């Protein structure tokens, strides 16, 4: 060695002699010679000790900078049986100035670590560990059986002798068996991993890891069978799929993602619990201060179960389609029955209005003496079906002249315009600009007892155009909202698949069935009901719209002067909103988390708002809000929803501002509803309020002019003020659900008031509407039960959310939240039908006899 170094020095000298001169070359040659001599001296003093190691034997040795110990091990491995090898190291010396370095050299892998092992946490925290346990990577073998060698090198730079213990053991249960639970213990410095090989014919399995302890926080990872295995807190996220866990964790693994037909299940205990929602330790006073981590051992159980097969996917999809297609079938049957009943009623009325001779010419008798209608008579009755509902009774007129007189008396001939006139030339304000109407508004709308005829004075085509804007606006909103949503969730799913970070999305991992690139196909499929039932509702509304327009074209008095005015624009908007709720809920469940939760709730706010507007429009068609005002208010609601999700958690200022805005909005809306819009918000509003209080409460104590309206508004204010106080005091973390609860409470309150006042006014609810109400109430009850099961929550950390995960409950494919999707879509569809049919009993009642409330 010395000779080689001297030759190297001579070569270097000859090469640079001309450059530096002879004196410089001699000096450099002397330096090289000194370095060579010192290296030779070190080689002579360094002692290498080689030992033949044996399994399950504890070696107690001492290491210094002057010696190096090498332990040689060998063992026989076979292709049919896989055994793991685990190395345990303990350092017995205290106050080490230099760590001991352990290097395990294998045929195709090298594992090295120092003792004490320093693992870093957040904010420069350092945790030393003296008790180390590591499992060696098992390289694949080609022969049936072969002997493998590996060496454990121990060295240090410390001049003081350091005592250590070394033990190498076999891991008998290194390979996991299907549906066989296995228990083990892990810690930050003693991670564990096990091997699993896919059986023949199995393409998908679910790896479930559980523990009885919340903390310490741990990480489970699925990695391909290759070396090295990343099994420390600082590198476990480098490869494969991984997720944090406290008590429960599960990952669905597919064979197509692992070319070796197997994988490693790696379990690592983290140095800190902050990732799992646990507390943070104190900040170190000095940057290099070492913190004692204490006992962070955790006992866990792992089991690998077979996932569902492809036929279960097919069965789940068929069940989903079958449930909602059955509603199409029931709707078709009900329509056929109602059409048959309507024809029979029309036939009986036509018999009552004709003479015996005409009856004989129209009707024939069969052999049993029973009257049978001719086919032509049936065919002529299609145009007389009621526009918004098929009623149990139909009016009879004395003659055609009486109908003309009724139309003349009601003013329809003077107000009506040609049906062929372009709607673009008609504006909503055309009717109101007349001087007599301007003076009449304040008189008519402030009467103590209002009828529907008082609030349905505007031209029908103007109002139809006004309410059709609801549909076109929501269709436009849906397109511009849905396209970036779809793009974003696809990006989310791609990031999850590429990085393997299972903490990005809050699935129910115990029942998340992948399909293609989607991680939880069942949660997406269950939203099909919203789309299918929304489309069915649109078809029902379209049918009623066509029938109503046919009746108007025939100048039927019932369609023009009786019943609640028929405007279908809001119904079309409701059906579209239901379909969009299904689409956006499916997008949200591609990767559910707090950043995209508004996708799942935005159209819920829309649906609640549209339902309240439709209830109000039924008896206030002339003064209902325009589409632009309504959607602007809903946009403000969604804006506050986003602010609450991002900034509302524990933010006192936000909750104070929101509560004040909530109460002010309630007061303004109450005033608008009480005075039917006949008031002004200007500089004199305070003076007028003081005057009203003085005249009605102080000078002369009088009751409210509109008692029914006052009762509703007082109840509404109590509910909203209570909700505002609850939010200000409790400050719920799930602000979006809190905001949705406000909307639902107001909708239920208004609906209950509407039903009570309807019955109080002597009106009745027909059988079909009553069945829809009872059916919807029952379905809503069951739906809410499954909703509050709470299988995951993004209000907590991903690890804490997984504590709520549960197994599938239907066909081993659908979980509780999927059942909520099924039932809530049916309940929303039923609620829409209630709004559509609840006033069918008024189709033969003149509008000046229908009260407004």
Foldseek 3Di string as FASTA:
>chain_A
DLVVLLVVLVVVLVVCCVPPHDVVSVVSSVVSNVVSVVVVVLVVQAAEAEEADDAPDKDKDKAEQRYKYKYKYKDKDFPVADKKKKKKKAWDDPDDPKWKKKWKDWPAAIDIATPQGWDADPQLATATDRIAMDIAADDDDDDRMDMIMMMIMIHIHHRDIIIMMMHMHMHRPQEADAQDKDKDKAAQRHKDKHKYAADPPAFKKKKKKFFPFQDDKKKKFKAERDPDQDAHPVCNLVDGAMEIAGGIDMDMDGQVVHVVRMIMIIMHGDLHRVLFVDDDDDNDPDSPDHDHSPDRMGMMMIHMYGADDPVLVVVLLVVLVVVQVVVVVVVVVVVVVLLVLQLVQVVVLVVVLDDPVVVPVQWDADPVRDIDGDPVSSVVCLLVAFQQDRDPHADHDNDPVVLVVVCVVVCCVVPDDDPPDDLVVDEQCPVVVDPVNVVCVLVQLPDLWHFLCSQPVTDPSNLLVQLLVLLVVLVVVLVVVQVVLLVVLVVVLVCCVVSSYPQQFQDLNQFADDDDSFGRVLQLSLLVLLQSLLVVQLVVLVVSNVSLVSNVVVVPCLSVFWFFPDHCSLSSSLSVLSNQLSSLSSSCNSGPALVSVLSNQLSLLVNLLSLVLLLQCRRNVNLGDTSVVSVVVSVVLSVLLNCCLVPQQVDLVSLVVVLVVLLVVLVVVLVCVLSVNPDDDDPCPVVVVVVCCCVCPPVHPDDDSHVLSVVLSVVLSVVSNVLSVCCNVVVDNNVSVSSSVNSVVNSVSSVVSSVVVCVVLVHDFDPVLVVLVVVLVVLVVLLVVLVVLQQADNSGRSNVRNVSRDFDDPSSNHHSVSVSSNSVSVSSSSVSVNSSRRRVRTSNPGRSSHIRD
